[in-house]
Amino acid sequence: MALKQLISVIAQALVDEPDAVEVTEIEGDHNTLIELKVAKSDIGKVIGKDGRTAQSMRAILTAASTKAGRRAHLDIVD
């Protein structure tokens, strides 16, 4: 649950429509998939220039999931 909340808080801080942020967590055996959906007008803010914001979010997620002893991957869904 902590990984899902982490991505949700970061995404809501970045976008203009924080109520439209949806985060889904899909758990596997050793892997967790986090799917992030935002409003169409905010997709560029979450991805960032050259994908830097998305890469930064993935780096934070990887660090947090490693500490929890799991692997996590972030997908940004349009």
C-alpha atoms as a PDB file:
ATOM      1  CA  MET A   1       0.000   0.000   0.000  1.00  0.00           C
ATOM      2  CA  ALA A   2       2.868   2.386   0.701  1.00  0.00           C
ATOM      3  CA  LEU A   3       4.158   2.261  -2.894  1.00  0.00           C
ATOM      4  CA  LYS A   4       0.718   3.115  -4.249  1.00  0.00           C
ATOM      5  CA  GLN A   5       0.411   6.068  -1.880  1.00  0.00           C
ATOM      6  CA  LEU A   6       3.901   7.285  -2.732  1.00  0.00           C
ATOM      7  CA  ILE A   7       3.143   7.496  -6.459  1.00  0.00           C
ATOM      8  CA  SER A   8      -0.280   9.010  -5.777  1.00  0.00           C
ATOM      9  CA  VAL A   9       1.143  11.832  -3.637  1.00  0.00           C
ATOM     10  CA  ILE A  10       3.879  12.642  -6.172  1.00  0.00           C
ATOM     11  CA  ALA A  11       1.448  12.629  -9.110  1.00  0.00           C
ATOM     12  CA  GLN A  12      -1.132  14.783  -7.316  1.00  0.00           C
ATOM     13  CA  ALA A  13       1.555  17.368  -6.557  1.00  0.00           C
ATOM     14  CA  LEU A  14       2.530  17.570 -10.239  1.00  0.00           C
ATOM     15  CA  VAL A  15      -0.835  17.840 -11.989  1.00  0.00           C
ATOM     16  CA  ASP A  16      -3.502  20.552 -12.302  1.00  0.00           C
ATOM     17  CA  GLU A  17      -6.353  18.093 -11.673  1.00  0.00           C
ATOM     18  CA  PRO A  18      -5.329  16.044  -8.604  1.00  0.00           C
ATOM     19  CA  ASP A  19      -8.817  14.511  -8.316  1.00  0.00           C
ATOM     20  CA  ALA A  20      -8.319  12.775 -11.675  1.00  0.00           C
ATOM     21  CA  VAL A  21      -5.226  10.851 -10.484  1.00  0.00           C
ATOM     22  CA  GLU A  22      -5.840   7.096 -10.293  1.00  0.00           C
ATOM     23  CA  VAL A  23      -3.198   4.668  -9.057  1.00  0.00           C
ATOM     24  CA  THR A  24      -3.681   0.903  -9.354  1.00  0.00           C
ATOM     25  CA  GLU A  25      -1.383  -1.632  -7.724  1.00  0.00           C
ATOM     26  CA  ILE A  26      -1.143  -5.126  -9.236  1.00  0.00           C
ATOM     27  CA  GLU A  27       0.829  -7.555  -7.101  1.00  0.00           C
ATOM     28  CA  GLY A  28       2.697 -10.566  -8.428  1.00  0.00           C
ATOM     29  CA  ASP A  29       4.923 -13.091  -6.656  1.00  0.00           C
ATOM     30  CA  HIS A  30       7.959 -10.846  -6.281  1.00  0.00           C
ATOM     31  CA  ASN A  31       6.945  -7.977  -8.538  1.00  0.00           C
ATOM     32  CA  THR A  32       4.485  -5.128  -8.189  1.00  0.00           C
ATOM     33  CA  LEU A  33       3.077  -3.176 -11.128  1.00  0.00           C
ATOM     34  CA  ILE A  34       1.902   0.360 -10.397  1.00  0.00           C
ATOM     35  CA  GLU A  35      -0.361   1.869 -13.058  1.00  0.00           C
ATOM     36  CA  LEU A  36      -0.822   5.644 -13.046  1.00  0.00           C
ATOM     37  CA  LYS A  37      -3.703   7.363 -14.839  1.00  0.00           C
ATOM     38  CA  VAL A  38      -4.077  11.150 -15.000  1.00  0.00           C
ATOM     39  CA  ALA A  39      -6.251  13.563 -16.965  1.00  0.00           C
ATOM     40  CA  LYS A  40      -5.306  13.898 -20.647  1.00  0.00           C
ATOM     41  CA  SER A  41      -4.288  17.511 -20.127  1.00  0.00           C
ATOM     42  CA  ASP A  42      -1.867  16.505 -17.349  1.00  0.00           C
ATOM     43  CA  ILE A  43      -0.092  13.598 -19.050  1.00  0.00           C
ATOM     44  CA  GLY A  44       2.772  15.838 -20.192  1.00  0.00           C
ATOM     45  CA  LYS A  45       3.378  17.082 -16.658  1.00  0.00           C
ATOM     46  CA  VAL A  46       3.725  13.532 -15.344  1.00  0.00           C
ATOM     47  CA  ILE A  47       6.015  12.418 -18.163  1.00  0.00           C
ATOM     48  CA  GLY A  48       8.071  15.625 -18.250  1.00  0.00           C
ATOM     49  CA  LYS A  49      10.545  16.899 -20.789  1.00  0.00           C
ATOM     50  CA  ASP A  50      12.313  13.950 -22.451  1.00  0.00           C
ATOM     51  CA  GLY A  51      10.639  11.678 -19.875  1.00  0.00           C
ATOM     52  CA  ARG A  52      12.753  12.981 -17.009  1.00  0.00           C
ATOM     53  CA  THR A  53       9.898  13.347 -14.525  1.00  0.00           C
ATOM     54  CA  ALA A  54       8.677   9.810 -15.226  1.00  0.00           C
ATOM     55  CA  GLN A  55      12.224   8.461 -14.861  1.00  0.00           C
ATOM     56  CA  SER A  56      12.603  10.277 -11.545  1.00  0.00           C
ATOM     57  CA  MET A  57       9.335   8.807 -10.290  1.00  0.00           C
ATOM     58  CA  ARG A  58      10.537   5.351 -11.348  1.00  0.00           C
ATOM     59  CA  ALA A  59      13.842   5.863  -9.518  1.00  0.00           C
ATOM     60  CA  ILE A  60      12.039   6.841  -6.310  1.00  0.00           C
ATOM     61  CA  LEU A  61       9.695   3.864  -6.683  1.00  0.00           C
ATOM     62  CA  THR A  62      12.619   1.493  -7.222  1.00  0.00           C
ATOM     63  CA  ALA A  63      14.380   2.781  -4.109  1.00  0.00           C
ATOM     64  CA  ALA A  64      11.245   2.444  -1.982  1.00  0.00           C
ATOM     65  CA  SER A  65      10.403  -1.024  -3.282  1.00  0.00           C
ATOM     66  CA  THR A  66      13.966  -2.263  -2.778  1.00  0.00           C
ATOM     67  CA  LYS A  67      13.777  -1.179   0.838  1.00  0.00           C
ATOM     68  CA  ALA A  68      10.559  -3.199   1.159  1.00  0.00           C
ATOM     69  CA  GLY A  69      12.246  -6.241  -0.413  1.00  0.00           C
ATOM     70  CA  ARG A  70      10.185  -6.190  -3.597  1.00  0.00           C
ATOM     71  CA  ARG A  71      10.543  -5.056  -7.194  1.00  0.00           C
ATOM     72  CA  ALA A  72       8.169  -2.472  -8.630  1.00  0.00           C
ATOM     73  CA  HIS A  73       7.540  -1.034 -12.072  1.00  0.00           C
ATOM     74  CA  LEU A  74       5.629   2.128 -12.952  1.00  0.00           C
ATOM     75  CA  ASP A  75       3.408   2.303 -16.039  1.00  0.00           C
ATOM     76  CA  ILE A  76       1.816   5.592 -17.048  1.00  0.00           C
ATOM     77  CA  VAL A  77      -1.456   4.775 -18.791  1.00  0.00           C
ATOM     78  CA  ASP A  78      -3.187   7.243 -21.116  1.00  0.00           C
END
